[in-house]
Amino acid sequence: MSAFAGRAFGQSQSTPYPRRNAMTRWRWRALILLIYVVIGIYVAWLYDYITPGLLRDLAEALLAVFLWFLVLLGIDLHIG
């Protein structure tokens, strides 16, 4: 009988679920990145790099990008 019989592809004898470990590492990295970005947004807001006017302009731009067909039909997507 082969040494690999009875084990799924990618598994070793020392860790029964190596894919779970890789997924856990990926989730931790994603969580750390999300926290880093949220703190960066907060600091940028606190020091006036992000303003309500900038957010309004960004929202208008995103609306125009995702609803471009309404823009072509002549619908005004400007906020305020």
PDB file of N, CA and C in Angstrom:
ATOM      1  N   MET A   1       0.839  -1.177   0.000  1.00  0.00           N
ATOM      2  CA  MET A   1       0.000   0.000   0.000  1.00  0.00           C
ATOM      3  C   MET A   1       0.887   1.245   0.000  1.00  0.00           C
ATOM      4  N   SER A   2       0.447   2.277  -0.654  1.00  0.00           N
ATOM      5  CA  SER A   2       1.216   3.506  -0.795  1.00  0.00           C
ATOM      6  C   SER A   2       1.253   4.283   0.517  1.00  0.00           C
ATOM      7  N   ALA A   3       2.302   5.092   0.674  1.00  0.00           N
ATOM      8  CA  ALA A   3       2.439   5.923   1.874  1.00  0.00           C
ATOM      9  C   ALA A   3       1.408   7.047   1.894  1.00  0.00           C
ATOM     10  N   PHE A   4       0.839   7.365   0.735  1.00  0.00           N
ATOM     11  CA  PHE A   4      -0.118   8.458   0.635  1.00  0.00           C
ATOM     12  C   PHE A   4      -1.572   7.990   0.683  1.00  0.00           C
ATOM     13  N   ALA A   5      -1.799   6.707   0.833  1.00  0.00           N
ATOM     14  CA  ALA A   5      -3.154   6.170   0.821  1.00  0.00           C
ATOM     15  C   ALA A   5      -3.936   6.678   2.025  1.00  0.00           C
ATOM     16  N   GLY A   6      -5.152   7.086   1.804  1.00  0.00           N
ATOM     17  CA  GLY A   6      -6.037   7.498   2.874  1.00  0.00           C
ATOM     18  C   GLY A   6      -5.931   8.970   3.243  1.00  0.00           C
ATOM     19  N   ARG A   7      -5.032   9.730   2.608  1.00  0.00           N
ATOM     20  CA  ARG A   7      -4.897  11.147   2.904  1.00  0.00           C
ATOM     21  C   ARG A   7      -5.293  11.964   1.683  1.00  0.00           C
ATOM     22  N   ALA A   8      -5.896  13.086   1.943  1.00  0.00           N
ATOM     23  CA  ALA A   8      -6.282  13.987   0.854  1.00  0.00           C
ATOM     24  C   ALA A   8      -5.042  14.681   0.318  1.00  0.00           C
ATOM     25  N   PHE A   9      -5.145  15.164  -0.891  1.00  0.00           N
ATOM     26  CA  PHE A   9      -4.042  15.872  -1.524  1.00  0.00           C
ATOM     27  C   PHE A   9      -3.666  17.100  -0.713  1.00  0.00           C
ATOM     28  N   GLY A  10      -2.384  17.276  -0.445  1.00  0.00           N
ATOM     29  CA  GLY A  10      -1.910  18.462   0.264  1.00  0.00           C
ATOM     30  C   GLY A  10      -1.837  18.302   1.770  1.00  0.00           C
ATOM     31  N   GLN A  11      -2.241  17.155   2.290  1.00  0.00           N
ATOM     32  CA  GLN A  11      -2.201  16.972   3.731  1.00  0.00           C
ATOM     33  C   GLN A  11      -0.942  16.211   4.127  1.00  0.00           C
ATOM     34  N   SER A  12      -0.395  16.562   5.256  1.00  0.00           N
ATOM     35  CA  SER A  12       0.754  15.840   5.792  1.00  0.00           C
ATOM     36  C   SER A  12       0.323  15.122   7.059  1.00  0.00           C
ATOM     37  N   GLN A  13       1.215  14.288   7.571  1.00  0.00           N
ATOM     38  CA  GLN A  13       0.873  13.531   8.774  1.00  0.00           C
ATOM     39  C   GLN A  13       0.871  14.415  10.015  1.00  0.00           C
ATOM     40  N   SER A  14       1.679  15.472  10.035  1.00  0.00           N
ATOM     41  CA  SER A  14       1.800  16.282  11.245  1.00  0.00           C
ATOM     42  C   SER A  14       0.597  17.191  11.479  1.00  0.00           C
ATOM     43  N   THR A  15      -0.003  17.724  10.426  1.00  0.00           N
ATOM     44  CA  THR A  15      -1.176  18.590  10.579  1.00  0.00           C
ATOM     45  C   THR A  15      -2.326  18.000   9.793  1.00  0.00           C
ATOM     46  N   PRO A  16      -3.402  17.657  10.451  1.00  0.00           N
ATOM     47  CA  PRO A  16      -4.516  17.016   9.741  1.00  0.00           C
ATOM     48  C   PRO A  16      -5.266  17.962   8.804  1.00  0.00           C
ATOM     49  N   TYR A  17      -5.209  19.277   9.038  1.00  0.00           N
ATOM     50  CA  TYR A  17      -5.961  20.216   8.207  1.00  0.00           C
ATOM     51  C   TYR A  17      -5.067  21.377   7.769  1.00  0.00           C
ATOM     52  N   PRO A  18      -4.123  21.170   6.850  1.00  0.00           N
ATOM     53  CA  PRO A  18      -3.225  22.261   6.466  1.00  0.00           C
ATOM     54  C   PRO A  18      -3.935  23.370   5.709  1.00  0.00           C
ATOM     55  N   ARG A  19      -4.965  23.040   4.988  1.00  0.00           N
ATOM     56  CA  ARG A  19      -5.688  24.084   4.256  1.00  0.00           C
ATOM     57  C   ARG A  19      -6.413  25.008   5.223  1.00  0.00           C
ATOM     58  N   ARG A  20      -6.902  24.488   6.318  1.00  0.00           N
ATOM     59  CA  ARG A  20      -7.555  25.309   7.331  1.00  0.00           C
ATOM     60  C   ARG A  20      -6.554  26.292   7.927  1.00  0.00           C
ATOM     61  N   ASN A  21      -5.323  25.835   8.161  1.00  0.00           N
ATOM     62  CA  ASN A  21      -4.283  26.715   8.694  1.00  0.00           C
ATOM     63  C   ASN A  21      -3.966  27.830   7.716  1.00  0.00           C
ATOM     64  N   ALA A  22      -3.881  27.511   6.427  1.00  0.00           N
ATOM     65  CA  ALA A  22      -3.605  28.530   5.414  1.00  0.00           C
ATOM     66  C   ALA A  22      -4.760  29.530   5.344  1.00  0.00           C
ATOM     67  N   MET A  23      -5.981  29.052   5.452  1.00  0.00           N
ATOM     68  CA  MET A  23      -7.140  29.940   5.416  1.00  0.00           C
ATOM     69  C   MET A  23      -7.162  30.838   6.646  1.00  0.00           C
ATOM     70  N   THR A  24      -6.799  30.294   7.788  1.00  0.00           N
ATOM     71  CA  THR A  24      -6.765  31.089   9.009  1.00  0.00           C
ATOM     72  C   THR A  24      -5.727  32.203   8.889  1.00  0.00           C
ATOM     73  N   ARG A  25      -4.548  31.884   8.351  1.00  0.00           N
ATOM     74  CA  ARG A  25      -3.532  32.911   8.145  1.00  0.00           C
ATOM     75  C   ARG A  25      -4.037  33.989   7.198  1.00  0.00           C
ATOM     76  N   TRP A  26      -4.713  33.593   6.132  1.00  0.00           N
ATOM     77  CA  TRP A  26      -5.250  34.553   5.162  1.00  0.00           C
ATOM     78  C   TRP A  26      -6.281  35.461   5.823  1.00  0.00           C
ATOM     79  N   ARG A  27      -7.131  34.899   6.659  1.00  0.00           N
ATOM     80  CA  ARG A  27      -8.144  35.710   7.340  1.00  0.00           C
ATOM     81  C   ARG A  27      -7.513  36.697   8.310  1.00  0.00           C
ATOM     82  N   TRP A  28      -6.478  36.274   9.028  1.00  0.00           N
ATOM     83  CA  TRP A  28      -5.788  37.187   9.943  1.00  0.00           C
ATOM     84  C   TRP A  28      -5.144  38.331   9.184  1.00  0.00           C
ATOM     85  N   ARG A  29      -4.510  38.029   8.050  1.00  0.00           N
ATOM     86  CA  ARG A  29      -3.897  39.085   7.244  1.00  0.00           C
ATOM     87  C   ARG A  29      -4.950  40.053   6.726  1.00  0.00           C
ATOM     88  N   ALA A  30      -6.076  39.526   6.279  1.00  0.00           N
ATOM     89  CA  ALA A  30      -7.153  40.382   5.781  1.00  0.00           C
ATOM     90  C   ALA A  30      -7.711  41.253   6.902  1.00  0.00           C
ATOM     91  N   LEU A  31      -7.857  40.695   8.094  1.00  0.00           N
ATOM     92  CA  LEU A  31      -8.358  41.456   9.228  1.00  0.00           C
ATOM     93  C   LEU A  31      -7.380  42.569   9.615  1.00  0.00           C
ATOM     94  N   ILE A  32      -6.102  42.264   9.639  1.00  0.00           N
ATOM     95  CA  ILE A  32      -5.096  43.277   9.970  1.00  0.00           C
ATOM     96  C   ILE A  32      -5.100  44.385   8.923  1.00  0.00           C
ATOM     97  N   LEU A  33      -5.204  44.020   7.647  1.00  0.00           N
ATOM     98  CA  LEU A  33      -5.267  45.024   6.583  1.00  0.00           C
ATOM     99  C   LEU A  33      -6.514  45.893   6.719  1.00  0.00           C
ATOM    100  N   LEU A  34      -7.648  45.287   7.037  1.00  0.00           N
ATOM    101  CA  LEU A  34      -8.884  46.049   7.218  1.00  0.00           C
ATOM    102  C   LEU A  34      -8.758  47.030   8.380  1.00  0.00           C
ATOM    103  N   ILE A  35      -8.203  46.587   9.492  1.00  0.00           N
ATOM    104  CA  ILE A  35      -8.013  47.474  10.648  1.00  0.00           C
ATOM    105  C   ILE A  35      -7.070  48.617  10.287  1.00  0.00           C
ATOM    106  N   TYR A  36      -6.001  48.319   9.560  1.00  0.00           N
ATOM    107  CA  TYR A  36      -5.041  49.339   9.130  1.00  0.00           C
ATOM    108  C   TYR A  36      -5.717  50.407   8.268  1.00  0.00           C
ATOM    109  N   VAL A  37      -6.560  49.965   7.323  1.00  0.00           N
ATOM    110  CA  VAL A  37      -7.249  50.907   6.434  1.00  0.00           C
ATOM    111  C   VAL A  37      -8.267  51.737   7.211  1.00  0.00           C
ATOM    112  N   VAL A  38      -9.012  51.126   8.118  1.00  0.00           N
ATOM    113  CA  VAL A  38     -10.005  51.862   8.905  1.00  0.00           C
ATOM    114  C   VAL A  38      -9.321  52.918   9.772  1.00  0.00           C
ATOM    115  N   ILE A  39      -8.201  52.570  10.396  1.00  0.00           N
ATOM    116  CA  ILE A  39      -7.470  53.554  11.194  1.00  0.00           C
ATOM    117  C   ILE A  39      -6.952  54.670  10.303  1.00  0.00           C
ATOM    118  N   GLY A  40      -6.471  54.337   9.103  1.00  0.00           N
ATOM    119  CA  GLY A  40      -5.998  55.343   8.164  1.00  0.00           C
ATOM    120  C   GLY A  40      -7.096  56.296   7.733  1.00  0.00           C
ATOM    121  N   ILE A  41      -8.287  55.775   7.494  1.00  0.00           N
ATOM    122  CA  ILE A  41      -9.425  56.627   7.127  1.00  0.00           C
ATOM    123  C   ILE A  41      -9.781  57.555   8.287  1.00  0.00           C
ATOM    124  N   TYR A  42      -9.770  57.027   9.502  1.00  0.00           N
ATOM    125  CA  TYR A  42     -10.082  57.847  10.671  1.00  0.00           C
ATOM    126  C   TYR A  42      -9.067  58.980  10.843  1.00  0.00           C
ATOM    127  N   VAL A  43      -7.790  58.666  10.719  1.00  0.00           N
ATOM    128  CA  VAL A  43      -6.747  59.684  10.875  1.00  0.00           C
ATOM    129  C   VAL A  43      -6.855  60.726   9.758  1.00  0.00           C
ATOM    130  N   ALA A  44      -7.115  60.280   8.533  1.00  0.00           N
ATOM    131  CA  ALA A  44      -7.266  61.221   7.417  1.00  0.00           C
ATOM    132  C   ALA A  44      -8.480  62.126   7.639  1.00  0.00           C
ATOM    133  N   TRP A  45      -9.559  61.591   8.197  1.00  0.00           N
ATOM    134  CA  TRP A  45     -10.745  62.398   8.507  1.00  0.00           C
ATOM    135  C   TRP A  45     -10.422  63.405   9.621  1.00  0.00           C
ATOM    136  N   LEU A  46      -9.696  62.937  10.631  1.00  0.00           N
ATOM    137  CA  LEU A  46      -9.358  63.766  11.777  1.00  0.00           C
ATOM    138  C   LEU A  46      -8.486  64.954  11.372  1.00  0.00           C
ATOM    139  N   TYR A  47      -7.579  64.754  10.435  1.00  0.00           N
ATOM    140  CA  TYR A  47      -6.670  65.813  10.003  1.00  0.00           C
ATOM    141  C   TYR A  47      -7.126  66.491   8.705  1.00  0.00           C
ATOM    142  N   ASP A  48      -8.403  66.368   8.386  1.00  0.00           N
ATOM    143  CA  ASP A  48      -9.061  67.051   7.271  1.00  0.00           C
ATOM    144  C   ASP A  48      -8.499  66.714   5.895  1.00  0.00           C
ATOM    145  N   TYR A  49      -7.952  65.522   5.730  1.00  0.00           N
ATOM    146  CA  TYR A  49      -7.604  65.068   4.387  1.00  0.00           C
ATOM    147  C   TYR A  49      -8.839  64.519   3.686  1.00  0.00           C
ATOM    148  N   ILE A  50      -9.776  64.018   4.462  1.00  0.00           N
ATOM    149  CA  ILE A  50     -11.067  63.575   3.946  1.00  0.00           C
ATOM    150  C   ILE A  50     -12.107  64.523   4.524  1.00  0.00           C
ATOM    151  N   THR A  51     -12.884  65.148   3.639  1.00  0.00           N
ATOM    152  CA  THR A  51     -13.907  66.109   4.055  1.00  0.00           C
ATOM    153  C   THR A  51     -15.261  65.667   3.525  1.00  0.00           C
ATOM    154  N   PRO A  52     -16.342  66.232   4.076  1.00  0.00           N
ATOM    155  CA  PRO A  52     -17.664  65.893   3.540  1.00  0.00           C
ATOM    156  C   PRO A  52     -17.788  66.210   2.045  1.00  0.00           C
ATOM    157  N   GLY A  53     -17.149  67.281   1.598  1.00  0.00           N
ATOM    158  CA  GLY A  53     -17.187  67.615   0.172  1.00  0.00           C
ATOM    159  C   GLY A  53     -16.509  66.555  -0.672  1.00  0.00           C
ATOM    160  N   LEU A  54     -15.392  66.032  -0.188  1.00  0.00           N
ATOM    161  CA  LEU A  54     -14.691  64.966  -0.900  1.00  0.00           C
ATOM    162  C   LEU A  54     -15.549  63.708  -0.958  1.00  0.00           C
ATOM    163  N   LEU A  55     -16.201  63.388   0.150  1.00  0.00           N
ATOM    164  CA  LEU A  55     -17.068  62.209   0.175  1.00  0.00           C
ATOM    165  C   LEU A  55     -18.238  62.361  -0.795  1.00  0.00           C
ATOM    166  N   ARG A  56     -18.800  63.565  -0.872  1.00  0.00           N
ATOM    167  CA  ARG A  56     -19.902  63.815  -1.807  1.00  0.00           C
ATOM    168  C   ARG A  56     -19.417  63.652  -3.247  1.00  0.00           C
ATOM    169  N   ASP A  57     -18.249  64.208  -3.559  1.00  0.00           N
ATOM    170  CA  ASP A  57     -17.697  64.077  -4.905  1.00  0.00           C
ATOM    171  C   ASP A  57     -17.400  62.620  -5.243  1.00  0.00           C
ATOM    172  N   LEU A  58     -16.880  61.889  -4.280  1.00  0.00           N
ATOM    173  CA  LEU A  58     -16.604  60.469  -4.493  1.00  0.00           C
ATOM    174  C   LEU A  58     -17.890  59.686  -4.727  1.00  0.00           C
ATOM    175  N   ALA A  59     -18.936  59.992  -3.942  1.00  0.00           N
ATOM    176  CA  ALA A  59     -20.222  59.311  -4.117  1.00  0.00           C
ATOM    177  C   ALA A  59     -20.808  59.612  -5.491  1.00  0.00           C
ATOM    178  N   GLU A  60     -20.714  60.861  -5.939  1.00  0.00           N
ATOM    179  CA  GLU A  60     -21.208  61.219  -7.268  1.00  0.00           C
ATOM    180  C   GLU A  60     -20.440  60.473  -8.352  1.00  0.00           C
ATOM    181  N   ALA A  61     -19.127  60.394  -8.202  1.00  0.00           N
ATOM    182  CA  ALA A  61     -18.315  59.697  -9.198  1.00  0.00           C
ATOM    183  C   ALA A  61     -18.662  58.209  -9.239  1.00  0.00           C
ATOM    184  N   LEU A  62     -18.830  57.584  -8.074  1.00  0.00           N
ATOM    185  CA  LEU A  62     -19.187  56.164  -8.050  1.00  0.00           C
ATOM    186  C   LEU A  62     -20.563  55.914  -8.650  1.00  0.00           C
ATOM    187  N   LEU A  63     -21.503  56.801  -8.353  1.00  0.00           N
ATOM    188  CA  LEU A  63     -22.821  56.666  -8.965  1.00  0.00           C
ATOM    189  C   LEU A  63     -22.730  56.758 -10.480  1.00  0.00           C
ATOM    190  N   ALA A  64     -21.961  57.715 -10.974  1.00  0.00           N
ATOM    191  CA  ALA A  64     -21.823  57.886 -12.420  1.00  0.00           C
ATOM    192  C   ALA A  64     -21.147  56.677 -13.061  1.00  0.00           C
ATOM    193  N   VAL A  65     -20.186  56.074 -12.367  1.00  0.00           N
ATOM    194  CA  VAL A  65     -19.492  54.907 -12.915  1.00  0.00           C
ATOM    195  C   VAL A  65     -20.419  53.703 -12.967  1.00  0.00           C
ATOM    196  N   PHE A  66     -21.137  53.421 -11.889  1.00  0.00           N
ATOM    197  CA  PHE A  66     -21.966  52.224 -11.840  1.00  0.00           C
ATOM    198  C   PHE A  66     -23.330  52.403 -12.513  1.00  0.00           C
ATOM    199  N   LEU A  67     -23.795  53.633 -12.617  1.00  0.00           N
ATOM    200  CA  LEU A  67     -25.087  53.895 -13.268  1.00  0.00           C
ATOM    201  C   LEU A  67     -24.881  54.730 -14.531  1.00  0.00           C
ATOM    202  N   TRP A  68     -23.846  54.424 -15.309  1.00  0.00           N
ATOM    203  CA  TRP A  68     -23.492  55.193 -16.495  1.00  0.00           C
ATOM    204  C   TRP A  68     -24.620  55.253 -17.508  1.00  0.00           C
ATOM    205  N   PHE A  69     -25.425  54.210 -17.559  1.00  0.00           N
ATOM    206  CA  PHE A  69     -26.516  54.200 -18.536  1.00  0.00           C
ATOM    207  C   PHE A  69     -27.554  55.262 -18.196  1.00  0.00           C
ATOM    208  N   LEU A  70     -27.732  55.582 -16.919  1.00  0.00           N
ATOM    209  CA  LEU A  70     -28.653  56.656 -16.547  1.00  0.00           C
ATOM    210  C   LEU A  70     -28.084  58.013 -16.939  1.00  0.00           C
ATOM    211  N   VAL A  71     -26.765  58.156 -16.837  1.00  0.00           N
ATOM    212  CA  VAL A  71     -26.117  59.395 -17.258  1.00  0.00           C
ATOM    213  C   VAL A  71     -26.335  59.591 -18.750  1.00  0.00           C
ATOM    214  N   LEU A  72     -26.198  58.518 -19.526  1.00  0.00           N
ATOM    215  CA  LEU A  72     -26.402  58.611 -20.978  1.00  0.00           C
ATOM    216  C   LEU A  72     -27.860  58.935 -21.327  1.00  0.00           C
ATOM    217  N   LEU A  73     -28.787  58.574 -20.449  1.00  0.00           N
ATOM    218  CA  LEU A  73     -30.194  58.906 -20.677  1.00  0.00           C
ATOM    219  C   LEU A  73     -30.535  60.325 -20.233  1.00  0.00           C
ATOM    220  N   GLY A  74     -29.553  61.037 -19.674  1.00  0.00           N
ATOM    221  CA  GLY A  74     -29.749  62.418 -19.290  1.00  0.00           C
ATOM    222  C   GLY A  74     -30.167  62.639 -17.857  1.00  0.00           C
ATOM    223  N   ILE A  75     -30.091  61.605 -17.032  1.00  0.00           N
ATOM    224  CA  ILE A  75     -30.475  61.743 -15.625  1.00  0.00           C
ATOM    225  C   ILE A  75     -29.292  62.324 -14.840  1.00  0.00           C
ATOM    226  N   ASP A  76     -29.574  63.347 -14.055  1.00  0.00           N
ATOM    227  CA  ASP A  76     -28.539  64.017 -13.275  1.00  0.00           C
ATOM    228  C   ASP A  76     -28.304  63.260 -11.976  1.00  0.00           C
ATOM    229  N   LEU A  77     -27.086  62.816 -11.765  1.00  0.00           N
ATOM    230  CA  LEU A  77     -26.733  62.054 -10.564  1.00  0.00           C
ATOM    231  C   LEU A  77     -25.981  62.885  -9.540  1.00  0.00           C
ATOM    232  N   HIS A  78     -25.969  64.202  -9.700  1.00  0.00           N
ATOM    233  CA  HIS A  78     -25.286  65.052  -8.736  1.00  0.00           C
ATOM    234  C   HIS A  78     -26.047  65.082  -7.420  1.00  0.00           C
ATOM    235  N   ILE A  79     -25.315  65.028  -6.331  1.00  0.00           N
ATOM    236  CA  ILE A  79     -25.906  65.015  -4.998  1.00  0.00           C
ATOM    237  C   ILE A  79     -25.898  66.442  -4.460  1.00  0.00           C
ATOM    238  N   GLY A  80     -27.028  66.878  -3.943  1.00  0.00           N
ATOM    239  CA  GLY A  80     -27.102  68.188  -3.319  1.00  0.00           C
ATOM    240  C   GLY A  80     -27.408  69.283  -4.210  1.00  0.00           C
TER     241      GLY A  80
END
